[in-house]
C-alpha atoms as a PDB file:
ATOM      1  CA  MET A   1      -0.158  -0.068  -0.106  1.00  0.00           C
ATOM      2  CA  THR A   2       1.179   3.308  -0.901  1.00  0.00           C
ATOM      3  CA  TYR A   3       1.848   6.185   1.678  1.00  0.00           C
ATOM      4  CA  GLY A   4      -0.490   8.388  -0.228  1.00  0.00           C
ATOM      5  CA  LYS A   5      -3.330   5.498   0.010  1.00  0.00           C
ATOM      6  CA  LYS A   6      -2.505   4.756   3.752  1.00  0.00           C
ATOM      7  CA  LEU A   7      -3.210   8.486   4.441  1.00  0.00           C
ATOM      8  CA  ARG A   8      -6.214   8.757   2.157  1.00  0.00           C
ATOM      9  CA  GLU A   9      -7.852   5.912   4.326  1.00  0.00           C
ATOM     10  CA  GLN A  10      -6.979   7.220   7.715  1.00  0.00           C
ATOM     11  CA  ILE A  11      -8.632  10.615   6.392  1.00  0.00           C
ATOM     12  CA  ALA A  12     -11.799   8.693   5.370  1.00  0.00           C
ATOM     13  CA  GLY A  13     -12.172   7.134   9.095  1.00  0.00           C
ATOM     14  CA  PRO A  14     -15.016   8.576  10.970  1.00  0.00           C
ATOM     15  CA  GLU A  15     -12.436  10.690  13.405  1.00  0.00           C
ATOM     16  CA  THR A  16     -10.610  13.743  12.571  1.00  0.00           C
ATOM     17  CA  THR A  17      -6.941  12.634  11.906  1.00  0.00           C
ATOM     18  CA  PRO A  18      -4.478  14.873  13.847  1.00  0.00           C
ATOM     19  CA  LEU A  19      -1.050  15.739  11.801  1.00  0.00           C
ATOM     20  CA  ILE A  20       1.581  17.333  14.365  1.00  0.00           C
ATOM     21  CA  GLY A  21       3.813  19.786  13.037  1.00  0.00           C
ATOM     22  CA  VAL A  22       7.661  19.199  13.314  1.00  0.00           C
ATOM     23  CA  TYR A  23      10.528  21.476  12.242  1.00  0.00           C
ATOM     24  CA  ASP A  24      13.721  18.869  12.504  1.00  0.00           C
ATOM     25  CA  MET A  25      14.512  15.473  13.213  1.00  0.00           C
ATOM     26  CA  TYR A  26      14.662  15.657  17.066  1.00  0.00           C
ATOM     27  CA  SER A  27      11.139  17.169  17.156  1.00  0.00           C
ATOM     28  CA  ALA A  28       9.887  14.653  15.069  1.00  0.00           C
ATOM     29  CA  SER A  29      11.357  11.908  17.097  1.00  0.00           C
ATOM     30  CA  ILE A  30       9.410  13.225  19.915  1.00  0.00           C
ATOM     31  CA  ALA A  31       6.294  13.658  17.936  1.00  0.00           C
ATOM     32  CA  ALA A  32       6.455   9.987  16.842  1.00  0.00           C
ATOM     33  CA  LYS A  33       6.274   8.849  20.511  1.00  0.00           C
ATOM     34  CA  HIS A  34       2.484  10.364  20.896  1.00  0.00           C
ATOM     35  CA  TYR A  35       0.971  10.275  17.233  1.00  0.00           C
ATOM     36  CA  ASP A  36       0.949   8.418  14.053  1.00  0.00           C
ATOM     37  CA  GLY A  37       1.385  11.587  11.570  1.00  0.00           C
ATOM     38  CA  MET A  38       3.302  14.741  11.238  1.00  0.00           C
ATOM     39  CA  PHE A  39       3.022  17.867   9.150  1.00  0.00           C
ATOM     40  CA  VAL A  40       6.262  18.905   7.826  1.00  0.00           C
ATOM     41  CA  SER A  41       5.652  23.069   8.542  1.00  0.00           C
ATOM     42  CA  GLY A  42       6.712  25.644   6.263  1.00  0.00           C
ATOM     43  CA  PHE A  43       6.535  28.210   9.486  1.00  0.00           C
ATOM     44  CA  GLY A  44       8.627  25.504  11.574  1.00  0.00           C
ATOM     45  CA  PHE A  45      11.215  24.668   8.550  1.00  0.00           C
ATOM     46  CA  ALA A  46      11.636  28.239   7.605  1.00  0.00           C
ATOM     47  CA  ALA A  47      12.307  28.725  11.422  1.00  0.00           C
ATOM     48  CA  SER A  48      14.694  25.877  12.198  1.00  0.00           C
ATOM     49  CA  TYR A  49      16.638  25.463   8.879  1.00  0.00           C
ATOM     50  CA  TYR A  50      16.947  29.388   8.080  1.00  0.00           C
ATOM     51  CA  GLY A  51      16.216  31.187  11.238  1.00  0.00           C
ATOM     52  CA  LEU A  52      13.859  33.375   9.011  1.00  0.00           C
ATOM     53  CA  PRO A  53      10.027  34.173   9.144  1.00  0.00           C
ATOM     54  CA  ASP A  54       7.502  32.223   6.885  1.00  0.00           C
ATOM     55  CA  ILE A  55       7.282  34.420   4.020  1.00  0.00           C
ATOM     56  CA  GLY A  56       9.034  32.695   1.332  1.00  0.00           C
ATOM     57  CA  PHE A  57      12.575  31.744   1.599  1.00  0.00           C
ATOM     58  CA  ILE A  58      12.259  27.732   1.709  1.00  0.00           C
ATOM     59  CA  ALA A  59      14.335  26.370  -1.107  1.00  0.00           C
ATOM     60  CA  TRP A  60      12.730  23.192  -2.353  1.00  0.00           C
ATOM     61  CA  PRO A  61      15.830  21.201  -2.442  1.00  0.00           C
ATOM     62  CA  ASP A  62      16.058  21.732   0.955  1.00  0.00           C
ATOM     63  CA  MET A  63      12.757  20.794   2.021  1.00  0.00           C
ATOM     64  CA  VAL A  64      12.952  17.260   0.003  1.00  0.00           C
ATOM     65  CA  ALA A  65      16.075  16.516   1.671  1.00  0.00           C
ATOM     66  CA  PHE A  66      14.369  17.054   5.073  1.00  0.00           C
ATOM     67  CA  VAL A  67      11.587  14.800   4.234  1.00  0.00           C
ATOM     68  CA  GLN A  68      13.692  12.408   2.800  1.00  0.00           C
ATOM     69  CA  ARG A  69      15.481  11.727   6.122  1.00  0.00           C
ATOM     70  CA  LEU A  70      12.216  11.976   7.996  1.00  0.00           C
ATOM     71  CA  ARG A  71      10.854   8.881   5.940  1.00  0.00           C
ATOM     72  CA  GLY A  72      14.083   6.996   6.865  1.00  0.00           C
ATOM     73  CA  ALA A  73      13.717   7.421  10.258  1.00  0.00           C
ATOM     74  CA  PHE A  74       9.839   7.153  10.406  1.00  0.00           C
ATOM     75  CA  PRO A  75       8.888   4.276   7.802  1.00  0.00           C
ATOM     76  CA  ALA A  76       5.380   3.771   8.957  1.00  0.00           C
ATOM     77  CA  HIS A  77       4.129   7.859  10.042  1.00  0.00           C
ATOM     78  CA  HIS A  78       1.898   9.744   7.539  1.00  0.00           C
ATOM     79  CA  LEU A  79       4.226  12.852   6.495  1.00  0.00           C
ATOM     80  CA  LEU A  80       2.036  15.651   4.770  1.00  0.00           C
ATOM     81  CA  VAL A  81       4.076  18.209   3.435  1.00  0.00           C
ATOM     82  CA  ASP A  82       3.806  21.909   3.150  1.00  0.00           C
ATOM     83  CA  ILE A  83       5.046  22.959  -0.285  1.00  0.00           C
ATOM     84  CA  ASP A  84       3.517  26.586   0.127  1.00  0.00           C
ATOM     85  CA  ASP A  85       2.945  27.914  -3.421  1.00  0.00           C
ATOM     86  CA  GLY A  86       4.751  25.226  -5.187  1.00  0.00           C
ATOM     87  CA  TYR A  87       7.707  27.447  -5.023  1.00  0.00           C
ATOM     88  CA  VAL A  88       5.924  29.678  -7.518  1.00  0.00           C
ATOM     89  CA  ASP A  89       6.667  28.264 -10.797  1.00  0.00           C
ATOM     90  CA  PRO A  90       3.822  25.350 -11.912  1.00  0.00           C
ATOM     91  CA  GLU A  91       6.780  23.074 -13.575  1.00  0.00           C
ATOM     92  CA  VAL A  92       8.759  23.534 -10.382  1.00  0.00           C
ATOM     93  CA  ALA A  93       5.650  22.390  -8.245  1.00  0.00           C
ATOM     94  CA  CYS A  94       5.194  19.529 -10.181  1.00  0.00           C
ATOM     95  CA  HIS A  95       9.143  18.687  -9.860  1.00  0.00           C
ATOM     96  CA  VAL A  96       8.782  18.927  -6.217  1.00  0.00           C
ATOM     97  CA  VAL A  97       5.572  16.863  -6.145  1.00  0.00           C
ATOM     98  CA  GLU A  98       7.366  14.099  -8.161  1.00  0.00           C
ATOM     99  CA  GLN A  99      10.229  14.041  -6.134  1.00  0.00           C
ATOM    100  CA  LEU A 100       8.210  13.841  -2.610  1.00  0.00           C
ATOM    101  CA  GLU A 101       6.328  11.357  -3.593  1.00  0.00           C
ATOM    102  CA  ARG A 102       9.316   9.113  -4.851  1.00  0.00           C
ATOM    103  CA  ILE A 103      11.151   9.536  -1.284  1.00  0.00           C
ATOM    104  CA  GLY A 104       7.803   8.479   0.533  1.00  0.00           C
ATOM    105  CA  ALA A 105       5.785  11.719   1.410  1.00  0.00           C
ATOM    106  CA  SER A 106       2.123  10.870   1.917  1.00  0.00           C
ATOM    107  CA  GLY A 107       0.891  14.136   0.734  1.00  0.00           C
ATOM    108  CA  VAL A 108       1.150  17.967   0.132  1.00  0.00           C
ATOM    109  CA  ILE A 109      -0.437  20.785   0.638  1.00  0.00           C
ATOM    110  CA  LEU A 110      -0.397  23.367  -2.094  1.00  0.00           C
ATOM    111  CA  GLU A 111      -1.665  27.034  -1.446  1.00  0.00           C
ATOM    112  CA  ASP A 112      -3.158  29.875  -3.633  1.00  0.00           C
ATOM    113  CA  GLN A 113      -0.900  32.738  -2.185  1.00  0.00           C
ATOM    114  CA  LYS A 114       1.211  34.955  -4.567  1.00  0.00           C
ATOM    115  CA  ARG A 115       4.661  36.521  -3.416  1.00  0.00           C
ATOM    116  CA  PRO A 116       5.220  37.886  -1.204  1.00  0.00           C
ATOM    117  CA  ARG A 117       3.534  35.028   0.670  1.00  0.00           C
ATOM    118  CA  ARG A 118       2.919  34.896   4.409  1.00  0.00           C
ATOM    119  CA  CYS A 119       1.792  32.295   7.204  1.00  0.00           C
ATOM    120  CA  GLY A 120      -1.485  31.673   6.743  1.00  0.00           C
ATOM    121  CA  HIS A 121      -2.361  33.158  10.277  1.00  0.00           C
ATOM    122  CA  ALA A 122      -0.809  36.549   9.543  1.00  0.00           C
ATOM    123  CA  ASP A 123      -2.233  39.860   7.943  1.00  0.00           C
ATOM    124  CA  GLY A 124      -1.734  41.282   4.564  1.00  0.00           C
ATOM    125  CA  LYS A 125      -1.960  37.877   2.536  1.00  0.00           C
ATOM    126  CA  GLN A 126      -2.884  38.071  -1.192  1.00  0.00           C
ATOM    127  CA  VAL A 127      -4.076  35.580  -3.749  1.00  0.00           C
ATOM    128  CA  LEU A 128      -3.492  34.689  -6.850  1.00  0.00           C
ATOM    129  CA  PRO A 129      -6.366  34.979  -9.524  1.00  0.00           C
ATOM    130  CA  LEU A 130      -8.661  31.812  -9.193  1.00  0.00           C
ATOM    131  CA  GLU A 131      -7.909  30.528 -12.898  1.00  0.00           C
ATOM    132  CA  GLU A 132      -4.391  30.708 -12.314  1.00  0.00           C
ATOM    133  CA  TYR A 133      -4.026  28.741  -8.888  1.00  0.00           C
ATOM    134  CA  LEU A 134      -6.645  26.029 -10.443  1.00  0.00           C
ATOM    135  CA  ALA A 135      -4.260  25.732 -13.600  1.00  0.00           C
ATOM    136  CA  LYS A 136      -1.114  25.132 -11.160  1.00  0.00           C
ATOM    137  CA  LEU A 137      -3.322  22.864  -8.985  1.00  0.00           C
ATOM    138  CA  GLU A 138      -4.720  20.806 -11.926  1.00  0.00           C
ATOM    139  CA  GLN A 139      -0.582  20.413 -13.264  1.00  0.00           C
ATOM    140  CA  VAL A 140       0.239  19.080  -9.621  1.00  0.00           C
ATOM    141  CA  LEU A 141      -2.870  16.792  -9.686  1.00  0.00           C
ATOM    142  CA  ALA A 142      -1.928  15.213 -13.178  1.00  0.00           C
ATOM    143  CA  THR A 143       1.766  14.763 -11.809  1.00  0.00           C
ATOM    144  CA  ARG A 144       1.060  12.787  -8.737  1.00  0.00           C
ATOM    145  CA  GLN A 145       0.587   9.112  -8.586  1.00  0.00           C
ATOM    146  CA  ASP A 146      -1.160   8.484  -5.387  1.00  0.00           C
ATOM    147  CA  LEU A 147       0.018  11.328  -3.236  1.00  0.00           C
ATOM    148  CA  VAL A 148      -2.694  13.070  -1.243  1.00  0.00           C
ATOM    149  CA  VAL A 149      -3.317  16.742  -2.508  1.00  0.00           C
ATOM    150  CA  VAL A 150      -4.849  19.501  -0.230  1.00  0.00           C
ATOM    151  CA  ALA A 151      -5.894  22.345  -1.910  1.00  0.00           C
ATOM    152  CA  ARG A 152      -5.544  25.498   0.220  1.00  0.00           C
ATOM    153  CA  THR A 153      -6.985  28.835  -0.222  1.00  0.00           C
ATOM    154  CA  ASP A 154      -5.812  31.896   1.959  1.00  0.00           C
ATOM    155  CA  ALA A 155      -8.576  34.178   0.771  1.00  0.00           C
ATOM    156  CA  THR A 156      -9.797  36.677   3.485  1.00  0.00           C
ATOM    157  CA  ASP A 157     -12.734  38.270   2.033  1.00  0.00           C
ATOM    158  CA  GLU A 158     -15.370  36.228   3.095  1.00  0.00           C
ATOM    159  CA  ALA A 159     -17.533  36.152  -0.524  1.00  0.00           C
ATOM    160  CA  ASP A 160     -14.268  35.001  -1.905  1.00  0.00           C
ATOM    161  CA  ILE A 161     -13.438  32.278   0.973  1.00  0.00           C
ATOM    162  CA  LEU A 162     -16.893  30.681  -0.470  1.00  0.00           C
ATOM    163  CA  HIS A 163     -16.236  31.032  -3.899  1.00  0.00           C
ATOM    164  CA  ARG A 164     -12.956  29.566  -3.838  1.00  0.00           C
ATOM    165  CA  ALA A 165     -13.785  26.699  -1.372  1.00  0.00           C
ATOM    166  CA  LYS A 166     -16.622  25.400  -3.784  1.00  0.00           C
ATOM    167  CA  ALA A 167     -14.430  25.460  -6.842  1.00  0.00           C
ATOM    168  CA  LEU A 168     -11.347  23.739  -4.908  1.00  0.00           C
ATOM    169  CA  ALA A 169     -13.718  21.147  -3.928  1.00  0.00           C
ATOM    170  CA  ALA A 170     -14.948  20.677  -7.586  1.00  0.00           C
ATOM    171  CA  THR A 171     -11.475  19.720  -8.530  1.00  0.00           C
ATOM    172  CA  ALA A 172      -9.586  16.244  -7.861  1.00  0.00           C
ATOM    173  CA  ALA A 173      -7.907  17.472  -4.788  1.00  0.00           C
ATOM    174  CA  ASP A 174      -8.299  14.857  -1.926  1.00  0.00           C
ATOM    175  CA  VAL A 175      -8.993  17.445   0.705  1.00  0.00           C
ATOM    176  CA  ILE A 176      -9.680  21.253   1.171  1.00  0.00           C
ATOM    177  CA  LEU A 177      -8.257  23.732   3.373  1.00  0.00           C
ATOM    178  CA  VAL A 178      -9.258  27.532   4.366  1.00  0.00           C
ATOM    179  CA  ASP A 179      -6.376  28.760   5.948  1.00  0.00           C
ATOM    180  CA  GLY A 180      -6.756  31.463   8.920  1.00  0.00           C
ATOM    181  CA  ILE A 181     -10.388  30.723   9.430  1.00  0.00           C
ATOM    182  CA  ARG A 182     -11.661  32.334  12.287  1.00  0.00           C
ATOM    183  CA  SER A 183     -14.888  30.945  13.537  1.00  0.00           C
ATOM    184  CA  VAL A 184     -16.964  27.692  14.351  1.00  0.00           C
ATOM    185  CA  GLU A 185     -19.604  29.380  12.315  1.00  0.00           C
ATOM    186  CA  TRP A 186     -17.153  29.858   9.332  1.00  0.00           C
ATOM    187  CA  ILE A 187     -15.918  26.169   9.810  1.00  0.00           C
ATOM    188  CA  ARG A 188     -19.761  25.095   9.200  1.00  0.00           C
ATOM    189  CA  ARG A 189     -19.970  27.423   6.200  1.00  0.00           C
ATOM    190  CA  VAL A 190     -16.973  26.009   4.567  1.00  0.00           C
ATOM    191  CA  ARG A 191     -18.110  22.586   5.423  1.00  0.00           C
ATOM    192  CA  ASP A 192     -21.616  23.271   3.457  1.00  0.00           C
ATOM    193  CA  VAL A 193     -19.772  24.639   0.461  1.00  0.00           C
ATOM    194  CA  VAL A 194     -17.359  21.575  -0.018  1.00  0.00           C
ATOM    195  CA  GLY A 195     -19.836  19.102   0.373  1.00  0.00           C
ATOM    196  CA  ASP A 196     -18.536  15.753   0.534  1.00  0.00           C
ATOM    197  CA  LYS A 197     -14.910  16.579  -0.117  1.00  0.00           C
ATOM    198  CA  PRO A 198     -12.749  16.352   2.984  1.00  0.00           C
ATOM    199  CA  LEU A 199     -12.043  18.932   5.029  1.00  0.00           C
ATOM    200  CA  LEU A 200      -8.597  20.051   7.157  1.00  0.00           C
ATOM    201  CA  PHE A 201      -8.397  22.725   9.756  1.00  0.00           C
ATOM    202  CA  ASN A 202      -4.951  24.288  10.694  1.00  0.00           C
ATOM    203  CA  GLN A 203      -4.518  25.455  14.365  1.00  0.00           C
ATOM    204  CA  ILE A 204      -1.376  27.408  15.683  1.00  0.00           C
ATOM    205  CA  ALA A 205      -1.339  28.660  18.812  1.00  0.00           C
ATOM    206  CA  GLY A 206      -1.641  32.595  18.778  1.00  0.00           C
ATOM    207  CA  GLY A 207      -3.508  32.270  15.707  1.00  0.00           C
ATOM    208  CA  LYS A 208      -6.847  33.377  14.097  1.00  0.00           C
ATOM    209  CA  SER A 209      -8.555  30.430  14.044  1.00  0.00           C
ATOM    210  CA  PRO A 210     -10.201  29.066  17.272  1.00  0.00           C
ATOM    211  CA  ARG A 211      -8.930  26.503  19.714  1.00  0.00           C
ATOM    212  CA  LEU A 212     -11.193  23.200  19.330  1.00  0.00           C
ATOM    213  CA  SER A 213     -10.765  19.668  20.351  1.00  0.00           C
ATOM    214  CA  LEU A 214     -10.667  17.118  17.859  1.00  0.00           C
ATOM    215  CA  GLY A 215     -13.936  15.650  19.526  1.00  0.00           C
ATOM    216  CA  GLU A 216     -15.110  19.034  18.396  1.00  0.00           C
ATOM    217  CA  LEU A 217     -13.788  19.272  14.958  1.00  0.00           C
ATOM    218  CA  SER A 218     -15.217  15.777  14.264  1.00  0.00           C
ATOM    219  CA  ALA A 219     -18.324  17.351  15.114  1.00  0.00           C
ATOM    220  CA  LEU A 220     -17.942  19.928  12.967  1.00  0.00           C
ATOM    221  CA  GLY A 221     -17.110  17.512  10.104  1.00  0.00           C
ATOM    222  CA  VAL A 222     -13.402  18.148   9.994  1.00  0.00           C
ATOM    223  CA  ASP A 223     -11.722  15.265   8.439  1.00  0.00           C
ATOM    224  CA  VAL A 224      -7.904  16.636   9.271  1.00  0.00           C
ATOM    225  CA  ALA A 225      -6.530  18.674  11.862  1.00  0.00           C
ATOM    226  CA  ILE A 226      -2.832  20.035  11.400  1.00  0.00           C
ATOM    227  CA  TYR A 227      -0.846  21.422  14.064  1.00  0.00           C
ATOM    228  CA  SER A 228       1.695  23.474  12.735  1.00  0.00           C
ATOM    229  CA  THR A 229       3.914  24.890  15.526  1.00  0.00           C
ATOM    230  CA  PRO A 230       3.387  23.069  19.081  1.00  0.00           C
ATOM    231  CA  CYS A 231       6.907  21.432  18.900  1.00  0.00           C
ATOM    232  CA  LEU A 232       8.660  24.797  17.730  1.00  0.00           C
ATOM    233  CA  PHE A 233       6.835  26.767  20.263  1.00  0.00           C
ATOM    234  CA  ALA A 234       7.312  24.550  23.205  1.00  0.00           C
ATOM    235  CA  ALA A 235      11.221  24.035  22.266  1.00  0.00           C
ATOM    236  CA  HIS A 236      11.256  28.116  22.287  1.00  0.00           C
ATOM    237  CA  GLN A 237       9.681  28.311  25.753  1.00  0.00           C
ATOM    238  CA  ALA A 238      11.682  25.715  27.272  1.00  0.00           C
ATOM    239  CA  MET A 239      14.902  26.435  25.766  1.00  0.00           C
ATOM    240  CA  ASP A 240      14.612  30.197  27.037  1.00  0.00           C
ATOM    241  CA  SER A 241      13.624  28.874  30.587  1.00  0.00           C
ATOM    242  CA  ALA A 242      16.388  26.438  31.002  1.00  0.00           C
ATOM    243  CA  LEU A 243      18.969  29.223  29.669  1.00  0.00           C
ATOM    244  CA  ALA A 244      17.637  31.794  31.760  1.00  0.00           C
ATOM    245  CA  GLU A 245      18.084  29.393  34.667  1.00  0.00           C
ATOM    246  CA  LEU A 246      21.544  28.320  33.697  1.00  0.00           C
ATOM    247  CA  ARG A 247      22.682  31.756  33.531  1.00  0.00           C
ATOM    248  CA  GLN A 248      21.099  32.447  37.061  1.00  0.00           C
ATOM    249  CA  GLU A 249      22.767  29.510  38.515  1.00  0.00           C
ATOM    250  CA  ASP A 250      26.053  30.600  37.266  1.00  0.00           C
ATOM    251  CA  GLY A 251      26.454  27.959  34.636  1.00  0.00           C
ATOM    252  CA  ARG A 252      25.789  25.132  36.932  1.00  0.00           C
ATOM    253  CA  LEU A 253      23.518  22.657  35.314  1.00  0.00           C
ATOM    254  CA  PRO A 254      20.357  21.481  37.391  1.00  0.00           C
ATOM    255  CA  VAL A 255      20.121  17.801  38.412  1.00  0.00           C
ATOM    256  CA  VAL A 256      18.334  15.488  36.247  1.00  0.00           C
ATOM    257  CA  ASP A 257      15.908  13.029  37.670  1.00  0.00           C
ATOM    258  CA  PRO A 258      16.648   9.706  36.435  1.00  0.00           C
ATOM    259  CA  ALA A 259      13.119   8.341  36.351  1.00  0.00           C
ATOM    260  CA  GLN A 260      11.879  11.708  34.664  1.00  0.00           C
ATOM    261  CA  GLY A 261      14.528  13.941  33.662  1.00  0.00           C
ATOM    262  CA  ILE A 262      15.916  14.925  30.109  1.00  0.00           C
ATOM    263  CA  GLY A 263      19.483  14.219  30.196  1.00  0.00           C
ATOM    264  CA  VAL A 264      21.539  12.336  27.899  1.00  0.00           C
ATOM    265  CA  GLN A 265      20.380   8.882  28.598  1.00  0.00           C
ATOM    266  CA  ALA A 266      16.974   9.906  27.873  1.00  0.00           C
ATOM    267  CA  SER A 267      18.205  11.710  24.634  1.00  0.00           C
ATOM    268  CA  THR A 268      20.158   8.897  23.389  1.00  0.00           C
ATOM    269  CA  SER A 269      17.082   6.639  24.206  1.00  0.00           C
ATOM    270  CA  LEU A 270      14.663   8.581  21.899  1.00  0.00           C
ATOM    271  CA  LEU A 271      17.272   8.687  18.991  1.00  0.00           C
ATOM    272  CA  GLU A 272      18.157   4.676  19.178  1.00  0.00           C
ATOM    273  CA  ARG A 273      14.491   4.306  18.376  1.00  0.00           C
ATOM    274  CA  ASN A 274      15.115   6.012  15.176  1.00  0.00           C
ATOM    275  CA  LEU A 275      17.814   3.169  14.439  1.00  0.00           C
ATOM    276  CA  ALA A 276      15.465   0.600  15.103  1.00  0.00           C
ATOM    277  CA  HIS A 277      13.058   1.898  12.760  1.00  0.00           C
ATOM    278  CA  ARG A 278      15.421   1.668  10.086  1.00  0.00           C
ATOM    279  CA  ARG A 279      16.324  -2.159  10.507  1.00  0.00           C
ATOM    280  CA  PRO A 280      13.304  -3.679   9.215  1.00  0.00           C
ATOM    281  CA  GLU A 281      13.306  -1.340   5.990  1.00  0.00           C
ATOM    282  CA  ARG A 282      16.907  -2.555   5.422  1.00  0.00           C
ATOM    283  CA  ALA A 283      16.191  -6.305   6.195  1.00  0.00           C
ATOM    284  CA  GLY A 284      13.488  -6.107   3.491  1.00  0.00           C
ATOM    285  CA  VAL A 285      15.797  -4.476   0.819  1.00  0.00           C
ATOM    286  CA  GLY A 286      18.022  -7.435   1.121  1.00  0.00           C
ATOM    287  CA  ALA A 287      15.315 -10.062   1.252  1.00  0.00           C
END
């Protein structure tokens, strides 16, 4: 079974499928302990790999290389990849989709923003003319073999949101995402216009969308929930606190609780799990 088919079957289930945003191999190693699906967040990757905001700096070879490392370490997890606007050009978008499917990505999200692009929960977003985006989307859909394709709109005008959501639902895209959706009522309105097409909801701490549980999302008819930045923001807070404490203690490290604390043993144990994940895959190649 292909990775795309596995994710598609998961999405078709009765409950909302959570996909956790990861930004590097270490955050993915922790996320893999708790969830069976990951979201390769553009926000997180831009922050961790370049130290820059999510406004269009990502180069597609860097993203493809990261996903390849993820798939090697996590052969059984769903991997949904943010490819922003397809790196501007439709031909580039199709090439990236081919590369990602070849290395084992489960799906991609393609947005309708135009440059300069913005995080989906930021102000100042601009969208391409709908026909231009649909042409790019159709090329991507014709290129993929079994990869899940999420069609995303970043429209902010209320009439345009519904118009675009309905148009995207009429394509062969597998899932629809209206990013930066602001209320439960608007989730219901979008759910109505996309008909039977699966719907994705993006949650980001401090963003524009309401904070909803998976149970609440399931009741609203949401099929997939991506959590873009929980690992990144938790790491930010924890590292800032740890270094402030280290400075306050004049460089003396805290005592590590062997049962619950994170030190060299706990960290090494976490990473050794990734070696164990690779072994069955290697054995299968030689069989």
